[in-house]
Amino acid sequence: GGGQPVGHKELTGTDLDLTGTDHDEDGAGVTRGDVIDKWTSLWGFPNAIAMPEVNEWLDALPADVVDFAITIAGEHQVKATGSLKYMRAVIEGWQKRKLTTLDQVKKAAKEHDQRMKSERGGSKPARAKETLPDWAQTGATPTATRTELTPEQQAKINARIARLQQNGKTEQEATK
């Protein structure tokens, strides 16, 4: 028990817009209440920070446009902690581009999704084909890649090797 039977549903309804400026009657029949309900179903009731912004969006845009923005956020599985930031970005982007109807924002969203898909490539990224260097190819001979030293270059190398070996012997004698 407890409640009085009410013959008219309108008596129990709540109008969130007490200013009388809401955009309830649009083509899709989406109301401010529907927008708040969708937000609530995804992320819980809009808090004291989100609610004024949601109302601003609803004052500036038709309810079906704001509703569609929430739908997009839901499709992208936006978490409650990022919902306000995501919604701001979507709606501000539409407002900068002067998109105000449901058809305009749906077209923009479709173009955005196609652009994102093409930037990702739609599939696995192409891999660079690796090739072996000439010297590792079958049939390559080890001498084919060597440059011959002149007798003068070879003499310099032999002298350096002899000095290094001599230095090594001197160090060994010093540690004994």
N, C-alpha and C. Protein backbone atom coordinates (compact mmCIF):
# COMPACT_ATOMS: atom_id res chain seq x y z
N GLY A 1 0.75 -1.18 0.00
CA GLY A 1 0.00 0.00 0.00
C GLY A 1 0.80 1.26 0.00
N GLY A 2 0.11 2.24 0.50
CA GLY A 2 0.76 3.51 0.72
C GLY A 2 0.39 4.59 -0.25
N GLY A 3 0.35 4.32 -1.54
CA GLY A 3 0.17 5.38 -2.52
C GLY A 3 -1.28 5.57 -2.90
N GLN A 4 -1.60 6.76 -3.32
CA GLN A 4 -2.94 7.05 -3.81
C GLN A 4 -3.02 6.66 -5.27
N PRO A 5 -4.08 6.03 -5.70
CA PRO A 5 -4.21 5.72 -7.12
C PRO A 5 -4.37 7.03 -7.91
N VAL A 6 -3.63 7.14 -8.98
CA VAL A 6 -3.68 8.35 -9.79
C VAL A 6 -4.20 8.00 -11.17
N GLY A 7 -5.17 8.74 -11.61
CA GLY A 7 -5.77 8.47 -12.91
C GLY A 7 -5.00 9.03 -14.07
N HIS A 8 -4.13 10.01 -13.84
CA HIS A 8 -3.41 10.62 -14.95
C HIS A 8 -1.91 10.48 -14.74
N LYS A 9 -1.23 9.92 -15.73
CA LYS A 9 0.22 9.72 -15.67
C LYS A 9 0.95 11.06 -15.55
N GLU A 10 0.42 12.12 -16.20
CA GLU A 10 1.09 13.42 -16.20
C GLU A 10 1.29 13.96 -14.79
N LEU A 11 0.42 13.57 -13.88
CA LEU A 11 0.53 14.09 -12.52
C LEU A 11 1.75 13.55 -11.79
N THR A 12 2.23 12.38 -12.21
CA THR A 12 3.38 11.78 -11.53
C THR A 12 4.67 12.00 -12.29
N GLY A 13 4.62 12.54 -13.50
CA GLY A 13 5.82 12.76 -14.30
C GLY A 13 6.63 13.92 -13.74
N THR A 14 7.93 13.93 -14.07
CA THR A 14 8.78 15.03 -13.64
C THR A 14 9.31 15.74 -14.88
N ASP A 15 9.19 17.06 -14.90
CA ASP A 15 9.74 17.85 -15.98
C ASP A 15 11.05 18.44 -15.48
N LEU A 16 12.16 17.97 -16.06
CA LEU A 16 13.47 18.44 -15.61
C LEU A 16 13.74 19.87 -16.05
N ASP A 17 13.01 20.35 -17.06
CA ASP A 17 13.23 21.69 -17.56
C ASP A 17 12.09 22.59 -17.12
N LEU A 18 12.31 23.31 -16.06
CA LEU A 18 11.27 24.17 -15.51
C LEU A 18 11.22 25.51 -16.22
N THR A 19 12.15 25.76 -17.16
CA THR A 19 12.17 27.03 -17.89
C THR A 19 11.24 27.00 -19.08
N GLY A 20 10.83 25.82 -19.51
CA GLY A 20 9.95 25.71 -20.66
C GLY A 20 10.66 25.88 -21.98
N THR A 21 12.00 25.76 -22.00
CA THR A 21 12.75 25.96 -23.24
C THR A 21 13.31 24.66 -23.80
N ASP A 22 12.80 23.54 -23.34
CA ASP A 22 13.41 22.28 -23.80
C ASP A 22 13.00 21.97 -25.24
N HIS A 23 13.80 21.11 -25.83
CA HIS A 23 13.60 20.72 -27.22
C HIS A 23 12.98 19.33 -27.25
N ASP A 24 11.87 19.15 -26.55
CA ASP A 24 11.28 17.82 -26.45
C ASP A 24 10.69 17.33 -27.77
N GLU A 25 10.09 18.20 -28.51
CA GLU A 25 9.37 17.75 -29.70
C GLU A 25 10.26 17.83 -30.93
N ASP A 26 11.01 16.78 -31.17
CA ASP A 26 11.79 16.71 -32.39
C ASP A 26 11.37 15.45 -33.13
N GLY A 27 12.00 15.21 -34.27
CA GLY A 27 11.58 14.11 -35.12
C GLY A 27 11.59 12.75 -34.45
N ALA A 28 12.56 12.51 -33.59
CA ALA A 28 12.69 11.19 -32.98
C ALA A 28 11.84 11.06 -31.72
N GLY A 29 11.30 12.18 -31.23
CA GLY A 29 10.50 12.13 -30.03
C GLY A 29 11.32 11.91 -28.77
N VAL A 30 12.60 12.21 -28.81
CA VAL A 30 13.48 12.05 -27.65
C VAL A 30 13.29 13.26 -26.74
N THR A 31 13.13 13.02 -25.47
CA THR A 31 12.94 14.11 -24.50
C THR A 31 14.17 14.28 -23.62
N ARG A 32 14.19 15.36 -22.86
CA ARG A 32 15.26 15.58 -21.89
C ARG A 32 15.32 14.41 -20.90
N GLY A 33 14.16 13.96 -20.50
CA GLY A 33 14.09 12.83 -19.57
C GLY A 33 14.71 11.58 -20.16
N ASP A 34 14.49 11.36 -21.47
CA ASP A 34 15.09 10.20 -22.14
C ASP A 34 16.61 10.31 -22.12
N VAL A 35 17.12 11.51 -22.33
CA VAL A 35 18.57 11.73 -22.33
C VAL A 35 19.14 11.42 -20.94
N ILE A 36 18.49 11.95 -19.90
CA ILE A 36 18.95 11.69 -18.53
C ILE A 36 18.86 10.20 -18.21
N ASP A 37 17.79 9.56 -18.65
CA ASP A 37 17.64 8.12 -18.42
C ASP A 37 18.74 7.32 -19.09
N LYS A 38 19.09 7.69 -20.32
CA LYS A 38 20.16 6.96 -21.04
C LYS A 38 21.49 7.16 -20.32
N TRP A 39 21.77 8.41 -19.91
CA TRP A 39 23.01 8.70 -19.16
C TRP A 39 23.04 7.84 -17.90
N THR A 40 21.92 7.83 -17.19
CA THR A 40 21.82 7.09 -15.93
C THR A 40 22.02 5.60 -16.14
N SER A 41 21.48 5.06 -17.23
CA SER A 41 21.62 3.63 -17.48
C SER A 41 23.06 3.25 -17.79
N LEU A 42 23.82 4.17 -18.38
CA LEU A 42 25.23 3.89 -18.70
C LEU A 42 26.16 4.17 -17.53
N TRP A 43 25.98 5.33 -16.88
CA TRP A 43 26.99 5.79 -15.92
C TRP A 43 26.44 6.19 -14.56
N GLY A 44 25.17 5.99 -14.32
CA GLY A 44 24.57 6.44 -13.06
C GLY A 44 24.05 7.87 -13.22
N PHE A 45 23.28 8.30 -12.27
CA PHE A 45 22.66 9.62 -12.37
C PHE A 45 23.74 10.70 -12.48
N PRO A 46 23.58 11.67 -13.41
CA PRO A 46 24.60 12.72 -13.57
C PRO A 46 24.84 13.47 -12.25
N ASN A 47 26.10 13.59 -11.87
CA ASN A 47 26.43 14.25 -10.61
C ASN A 47 26.32 15.77 -10.75
N ALA A 48 26.68 16.48 -9.70
CA ALA A 48 26.54 17.94 -9.66
C ALA A 48 27.43 18.65 -10.68
N ILE A 49 28.45 17.98 -11.16
CA ILE A 49 29.31 18.57 -12.18
C ILE A 49 28.74 18.29 -13.57
N ALA A 50 28.28 17.06 -13.78
CA ALA A 50 27.78 16.67 -15.09
C ALA A 50 26.41 17.25 -15.41
N MET A 51 25.53 17.32 -14.44
CA MET A 51 24.15 17.73 -14.70
C MET A 51 24.03 19.11 -15.33
N PRO A 52 24.75 20.13 -14.83
CA PRO A 52 24.64 21.44 -15.49
C PRO A 52 25.10 21.42 -16.95
N GLU A 53 26.15 20.63 -17.22
CA GLU A 53 26.63 20.54 -18.60
C GLU A 53 25.63 19.83 -19.49
N VAL A 54 25.05 18.76 -18.98
CA VAL A 54 24.03 18.05 -19.75
C VAL A 54 22.89 19.01 -20.07
N ASN A 55 22.48 19.81 -19.10
CA ASN A 55 21.41 20.79 -19.33
C ASN A 55 21.83 21.84 -20.36
N GLU A 56 23.08 22.27 -20.31
CA GLU A 56 23.57 23.23 -21.31
C GLU A 56 23.49 22.63 -22.70
N TRP A 57 23.92 21.38 -22.83
CA TRP A 57 23.87 20.72 -24.14
C TRP A 57 22.43 20.63 -24.63
N LEU A 58 21.53 20.29 -23.71
CA LEU A 58 20.13 20.16 -24.07
C LEU A 58 19.50 21.51 -24.42
N ASP A 59 20.02 22.59 -23.85
CA ASP A 59 19.53 23.93 -24.22
C ASP A 59 20.05 24.34 -25.59
N ALA A 60 21.27 23.90 -25.92
CA ALA A 60 21.91 24.31 -27.17
C ALA A 60 21.55 23.41 -28.35
N LEU A 61 21.26 22.14 -28.08
CA LEU A 61 21.04 21.16 -29.15
C LEU A 61 19.74 20.40 -28.91
N PRO A 62 19.17 19.86 -29.98
CA PRO A 62 17.98 19.02 -29.79
C PRO A 62 18.32 17.79 -28.93
N ALA A 63 17.35 17.31 -28.20
CA ALA A 63 17.56 16.17 -27.30
C ALA A 63 18.04 14.93 -28.06
N ASP A 64 17.55 14.74 -29.30
CA ASP A 64 17.98 13.54 -30.05
C ASP A 64 19.46 13.59 -30.41
N VAL A 65 20.02 14.79 -30.56
CA VAL A 65 21.45 14.93 -30.86
C VAL A 65 22.28 14.56 -29.63
N VAL A 66 21.87 15.07 -28.47
CA VAL A 66 22.58 14.75 -27.22
C VAL A 66 22.44 13.26 -26.93
N ASP A 67 21.26 12.72 -27.17
CA ASP A 67 21.00 11.29 -26.98
C ASP A 67 21.93 10.46 -27.86
N PHE A 68 22.11 10.90 -29.11
CA PHE A 68 22.99 10.18 -30.04
C PHE A 68 24.44 10.22 -29.56
N ALA A 69 24.87 11.34 -28.98
CA ALA A 69 26.24 11.44 -28.44
C ALA A 69 26.43 10.43 -27.31
N ILE A 70 25.42 10.28 -26.48
CA ILE A 70 25.50 9.29 -25.39
C ILE A 70 25.53 7.88 -25.98
N THR A 71 24.75 7.65 -27.04
CA THR A 71 24.76 6.34 -27.70
C THR A 71 26.16 6.01 -28.23
N ILE A 72 26.80 6.98 -28.86
CA ILE A 72 28.17 6.77 -29.37
C ILE A 72 29.11 6.43 -28.22
N ALA A 73 29.01 7.17 -27.13
CA ALA A 73 29.87 6.90 -25.97
C ALA A 73 29.64 5.48 -25.46
N GLY A 74 28.38 5.05 -25.43
CA GLY A 74 28.07 3.69 -24.99
C GLY A 74 28.66 2.65 -25.93
N GLU A 75 28.57 2.90 -27.25
CA GLU A 75 29.13 1.97 -28.23
C GLU A 75 30.64 1.86 -28.11
N HIS A 76 31.28 2.95 -27.69
CA HIS A 76 32.73 2.94 -27.51
C HIS A 76 33.12 2.53 -26.09
N GLN A 77 32.15 2.08 -25.33
CA GLN A 77 32.37 1.55 -23.97
C GLN A 77 33.13 2.53 -23.08
N VAL A 78 32.71 3.80 -23.15
CA VAL A 78 33.32 4.83 -22.31
C VAL A 78 32.92 4.56 -20.86
N LYS A 79 33.90 4.60 -19.98
CA LYS A 79 33.67 4.37 -18.55
C LYS A 79 33.07 5.62 -17.91
N ALA A 80 32.43 5.45 -16.76
CA ALA A 80 31.79 6.56 -16.06
C ALA A 80 32.80 7.67 -15.75
N THR A 81 34.03 7.28 -15.40
CA THR A 81 35.04 8.28 -15.03
C THR A 81 35.43 9.17 -16.20
N GLY A 82 35.29 8.68 -17.42
CA GLY A 82 35.66 9.47 -18.59
C GLY A 82 34.47 9.97 -19.39
N SER A 83 33.26 9.72 -18.89
CA SER A 83 32.07 10.04 -19.67
C SER A 83 31.91 11.52 -19.95
N LEU A 84 32.12 12.36 -18.97
CA LEU A 84 31.92 13.79 -19.16
C LEU A 84 32.95 14.34 -20.15
N LYS A 85 34.20 13.94 -19.99
CA LYS A 85 35.26 14.40 -20.89
C LYS A 85 34.98 13.95 -22.33
N TYR A 86 34.56 12.71 -22.50
CA TYR A 86 34.26 12.18 -23.83
C TYR A 86 33.09 12.95 -24.45
N MET A 87 32.03 13.11 -23.67
CA MET A 87 30.86 13.81 -24.17
C MET A 87 31.19 15.26 -24.55
N ARG A 88 32.00 15.92 -23.73
CA ARG A 88 32.42 17.29 -24.05
C ARG A 88 33.10 17.33 -25.41
N ALA A 89 34.03 16.40 -25.61
CA ALA A 89 34.79 16.38 -26.86
C ALA A 89 33.87 16.17 -28.06
N VAL A 90 32.94 15.23 -27.95
CA VAL A 90 32.03 14.93 -29.06
C VAL A 90 31.15 16.14 -29.34
N ILE A 91 30.49 16.64 -28.33
CA ILE A 91 29.53 17.73 -28.53
C ILE A 91 30.23 19.03 -28.95
N GLU A 92 31.37 19.34 -28.33
CA GLU A 92 32.09 20.55 -28.73
C GLU A 92 32.57 20.44 -30.18
N GLY A 93 32.97 19.24 -30.58
CA GLY A 93 33.37 19.03 -31.97
C GLY A 93 32.22 19.29 -32.93
N TRP A 94 31.05 18.81 -32.58
CA TRP A 94 29.88 19.06 -33.42
C TRP A 94 29.53 20.53 -33.45
N GLN A 95 29.61 21.19 -32.30
CA GLN A 95 29.25 22.61 -32.23
C GLN A 95 30.24 23.45 -33.04
N LYS A 96 31.52 23.12 -33.00
CA LYS A 96 32.52 23.86 -33.79
C LYS A 96 32.23 23.73 -35.28
N ARG A 97 31.72 22.56 -35.67
CA ARG A 97 31.41 22.31 -37.08
C ARG A 97 29.98 22.72 -37.43
N LYS A 98 29.30 23.31 -36.44
CA LYS A 98 27.93 23.79 -36.60
C LYS A 98 26.96 22.69 -37.04
N LEU A 99 27.13 21.52 -36.43
CA LEU A 99 26.22 20.39 -36.69
C LEU A 99 25.15 20.42 -35.61
N THR A 100 23.89 20.54 -36.03
CA THR A 100 22.82 20.70 -35.04
C THR A 100 21.67 19.73 -35.21
N THR A 101 21.67 18.95 -36.27
CA THR A 101 20.56 18.00 -36.46
C THR A 101 21.06 16.58 -36.32
N LEU A 102 20.13 15.68 -36.04
CA LEU A 102 20.48 14.27 -35.89
C LEU A 102 21.10 13.72 -37.18
N ASP A 103 20.54 14.09 -38.33
CA ASP A 103 21.10 13.61 -39.60
C ASP A 103 22.54 14.08 -39.80
N GLN A 104 22.81 15.34 -39.46
CA GLN A 104 24.16 15.88 -39.61
C GLN A 104 25.16 15.15 -38.71
N VAL A 105 24.79 14.93 -37.45
CA VAL A 105 25.74 14.29 -36.53
C VAL A 105 25.91 12.81 -36.85
N LYS A 106 24.86 12.16 -37.35
CA LYS A 106 25.00 10.75 -37.75
C LYS A 106 25.96 10.64 -38.93
N LYS A 107 25.83 11.55 -39.88
CA LYS A 107 26.73 11.55 -41.05
C LYS A 107 28.17 11.80 -40.60
N ALA A 108 28.35 12.77 -39.70
CA ALA A 108 29.69 13.08 -39.19
C ALA A 108 30.29 11.89 -38.45
N ALA A 109 29.47 11.21 -37.66
CA ALA A 109 29.95 10.05 -36.90
C ALA A 109 30.36 8.92 -37.85
N LYS A 110 29.58 8.73 -38.90
CA LYS A 110 29.89 7.67 -39.88
C LYS A 110 31.22 7.99 -40.59
N GLU A 111 31.39 9.25 -40.99
CA GLU A 111 32.64 9.66 -41.64
C GLU A 111 33.82 9.49 -40.69
N HIS A 112 33.61 9.84 -39.43
CA HIS A 112 34.68 9.71 -38.43
C HIS A 112 35.08 8.24 -38.29
N ASP A 113 34.10 7.35 -38.18
CA ASP A 113 34.40 5.92 -38.04
C ASP A 113 35.15 5.39 -39.26
N GLN A 114 34.73 5.84 -40.46
CA GLN A 114 35.43 5.38 -41.68
C GLN A 114 36.86 5.89 -41.71
N ARG A 115 37.05 7.15 -41.30
CA ARG A 115 38.40 7.72 -41.27
C ARG A 115 39.28 6.97 -40.28
N MET A 116 38.74 6.66 -39.12
CA MET A 116 39.51 5.93 -38.11
C MET A 116 39.86 4.53 -38.61
N LYS A 117 38.91 3.90 -39.29
CA LYS A 117 39.15 2.55 -39.80
C LYS A 117 40.25 2.57 -40.86
N SER A 118 40.21 3.57 -41.75
CA SER A 118 41.23 3.63 -42.81
C SER A 118 42.59 3.99 -42.24
N GLU A 119 42.62 4.81 -41.19
CA GLU A 119 43.91 5.15 -40.57
C GLU A 119 44.52 3.95 -39.88
N ARG A 120 43.67 3.08 -39.34
CA ARG A 120 44.18 1.85 -38.70
C ARG A 120 44.50 0.80 -39.74
N GLY A 121 44.03 1.01 -40.96
CA GLY A 121 44.30 0.04 -42.01
C GLY A 121 43.26 -1.05 -42.08
N GLY A 122 42.40 -1.14 -41.10
CA GLY A 122 41.34 -2.13 -41.12
C GLY A 122 41.81 -3.55 -40.87
N SER A 123 43.10 -3.81 -41.00
CA SER A 123 43.61 -5.16 -40.78
C SER A 123 45.01 -5.06 -40.20
N LYS A 124 45.73 -6.16 -40.28
CA LYS A 124 47.08 -6.18 -39.72
C LYS A 124 47.98 -5.21 -40.50
N PRO A 125 48.91 -4.55 -39.81
CA PRO A 125 49.81 -3.65 -40.51
C PRO A 125 50.72 -4.42 -41.45
N ALA A 126 51.07 -3.83 -42.57
CA ALA A 126 51.94 -4.48 -43.54
C ALA A 126 53.34 -4.59 -42.95
N ARG A 127 53.95 -5.73 -43.13
CA ARG A 127 55.30 -5.93 -42.61
C ARG A 127 56.32 -5.68 -43.71
N ALA A 128 57.44 -5.14 -43.30
CA ALA A 128 58.53 -4.92 -44.25
C ALA A 128 59.13 -6.28 -44.60
N LYS A 129 59.41 -6.49 -45.89
CA LYS A 129 60.01 -7.75 -46.32
C LYS A 129 61.51 -7.70 -46.05
N GLU A 130 61.97 -8.70 -45.31
CA GLU A 130 63.39 -8.74 -45.00
C GLU A 130 64.13 -9.48 -46.11
N THR A 131 65.28 -8.95 -46.51
CA THR A 131 66.10 -9.61 -47.52
C THR A 131 67.51 -9.78 -46.97
N LEU A 132 68.15 -10.83 -47.42
CA LEU A 132 69.52 -11.10 -46.98
C LEU A 132 70.48 -10.19 -47.74
N PRO A 133 71.53 -9.72 -47.07
CA PRO A 133 72.54 -8.93 -47.79
C PRO A 133 73.27 -9.81 -48.82
N ASP A 134 73.90 -9.17 -49.78
CA ASP A 134 74.57 -9.91 -50.86
C ASP A 134 75.54 -10.96 -50.34
N TRP A 135 76.31 -10.60 -49.30
CA TRP A 135 77.34 -11.52 -48.82
C TRP A 135 76.75 -12.77 -48.19
N ALA A 136 75.45 -12.74 -47.79
CA ALA A 136 74.84 -13.90 -47.17
C ALA A 136 74.04 -14.73 -48.15
N GLN A 137 73.92 -14.27 -49.38
CA GLN A 137 73.17 -15.01 -50.39
C GLN A 137 73.88 -16.32 -50.72
N THR A 138 73.08 -17.32 -51.08
CA THR A 138 73.70 -18.59 -51.47
C THR A 138 74.48 -18.37 -52.75
N GLY A 139 75.62 -18.99 -52.81
CA GLY A 139 76.47 -18.85 -53.99
C GLY A 139 77.51 -17.75 -53.84
N ALA A 140 77.38 -16.92 -52.81
CA ALA A 140 78.36 -15.86 -52.61
C ALA A 140 79.61 -16.49 -52.01
N THR A 141 80.76 -16.05 -52.49
CA THR A 141 82.02 -16.58 -51.97
C THR A 141 82.59 -15.59 -50.96
N PRO A 142 83.22 -16.11 -49.91
CA PRO A 142 83.75 -15.20 -48.89
C PRO A 142 84.72 -14.16 -49.45
N THR A 143 85.49 -14.54 -50.45
CA THR A 143 86.48 -13.60 -51.00
C THR A 143 85.83 -12.57 -51.90
N ALA A 144 84.62 -12.84 -52.35
CA ALA A 144 83.97 -11.91 -53.26
C ALA A 144 83.67 -10.58 -52.57
N THR A 145 83.52 -10.58 -51.28
CA THR A 145 83.19 -9.34 -50.59
C THR A 145 84.42 -8.71 -49.93
N ARG A 146 85.55 -9.39 -49.96
CA ARG A 146 86.76 -8.84 -49.35
C ARG A 146 87.48 -7.92 -50.34
N THR A 147 88.08 -6.90 -49.75
CA THR A 147 88.93 -6.05 -50.59
C THR A 147 90.37 -6.46 -50.31
N GLU A 148 91.13 -6.55 -51.37
CA GLU A 148 92.53 -6.95 -51.23
C GLU A 148 93.34 -5.79 -50.68
N LEU A 149 94.25 -6.10 -49.75
CA LEU A 149 95.11 -5.08 -49.16
C LEU A 149 96.37 -4.93 -50.00
N THR A 150 96.86 -3.74 -50.04
CA THR A 150 98.15 -3.51 -50.73
C THR A 150 99.24 -4.02 -49.80
N PRO A 151 100.41 -4.33 -50.34
CA PRO A 151 101.51 -4.80 -49.48
C PRO A 151 101.84 -3.77 -48.39
N GLU A 152 101.69 -2.48 -48.68
CA GLU A 152 101.98 -1.45 -47.69
C GLU A 152 100.97 -1.50 -46.54
N GLN A 153 99.64 -1.67 -46.86
CA GLN A 153 98.60 -1.76 -45.83
C GLN A 153 98.82 -2.99 -44.96
N GLN A 154 99.19 -4.12 -45.60
CA GLN A 154 99.42 -5.35 -44.86
C GLN A 154 100.61 -5.22 -43.92
N ALA A 155 101.64 -4.51 -44.35
CA ALA A 155 102.82 -4.30 -43.50
C ALA A 155 102.46 -3.47 -42.27
N LYS A 156 101.63 -2.43 -42.45
CA LYS A 156 101.20 -1.61 -41.31
C LYS A 156 100.41 -2.44 -40.30
N ILE A 157 99.51 -3.27 -40.80
CA ILE A 157 98.70 -4.11 -39.92
C ILE A 157 99.60 -5.08 -39.16
N ASN A 158 100.54 -5.71 -39.86
CA ASN A 158 101.44 -6.66 -39.20
C ASN A 158 102.27 -5.96 -38.12
N ALA A 159 102.70 -4.72 -38.36
CA ALA A 159 103.48 -3.97 -37.38
C ALA A 159 102.62 -3.67 -36.14
N ARG A 160 101.36 -3.29 -36.34
CA ARG A 160 100.46 -3.02 -35.20
C ARG A 160 100.22 -4.28 -34.37
N ILE A 161 100.04 -5.41 -35.06
CA ILE A 161 99.83 -6.66 -34.35
C ILE A 161 101.06 -7.01 -33.51
N ALA A 162 102.23 -6.82 -34.09
CA ALA A 162 103.48 -7.12 -33.36
C ALA A 162 103.61 -6.22 -32.13
N ARG A 163 103.28 -4.91 -32.27
CA ARG A 163 103.36 -4.00 -31.12
C ARG A 163 102.39 -4.44 -30.02
N LEU A 164 101.15 -4.79 -30.40
CA LEU A 164 100.15 -5.22 -29.43
C LEU A 164 100.61 -6.48 -28.70
N GLN A 165 101.18 -7.41 -29.47
CA GLN A 165 101.66 -8.64 -28.84
C GLN A 165 102.82 -8.33 -27.89
N GLN A 166 103.67 -7.42 -28.28
CA GLN A 166 104.81 -7.05 -27.44
C GLN A 166 104.31 -6.38 -26.15
N ASN A 167 103.31 -5.48 -26.27
CA ASN A 167 102.74 -4.82 -25.09
C ASN A 167 102.11 -5.84 -24.16
N GLY A 168 101.48 -6.84 -24.71
CA GLY A 168 100.86 -7.89 -23.90
C GLY A 168 101.91 -8.65 -23.10
N LYS A 169 103.06 -8.97 -23.74
CA LYS A 169 104.14 -9.69 -23.04
C LYS A 169 104.74 -8.82 -21.95
N THR A 170 104.89 -7.53 -22.20
CA THR A 170 105.46 -6.61 -21.22
C THR A 170 104.56 -6.54 -20.00
N GLU A 171 103.24 -6.47 -20.18
CA GLU A 171 102.31 -6.42 -19.05
C GLU A 171 102.37 -7.71 -18.24
N GLN A 172 102.49 -8.87 -18.94
CA GLN A 172 102.55 -10.14 -18.22
C GLN A 172 103.83 -10.20 -17.37
N GLU A 173 104.95 -9.71 -17.90
CA GLU A 173 106.21 -9.72 -17.15
C GLU A 173 106.14 -8.80 -15.94
N ALA A 174 105.45 -7.68 -16.09
CA ALA A 174 105.35 -6.72 -15.01
C ALA A 174 104.51 -7.25 -13.85
N THR A 175 103.52 -8.13 -14.14
CA THR A 175 102.66 -8.66 -13.07
C THR A 175 103.26 -9.88 -12.40
N LYS A 176 104.37 -10.40 -12.90
CA LYS A 176 104.98 -11.59 -12.28
C LYS A 176 105.77 -11.24 -11.06
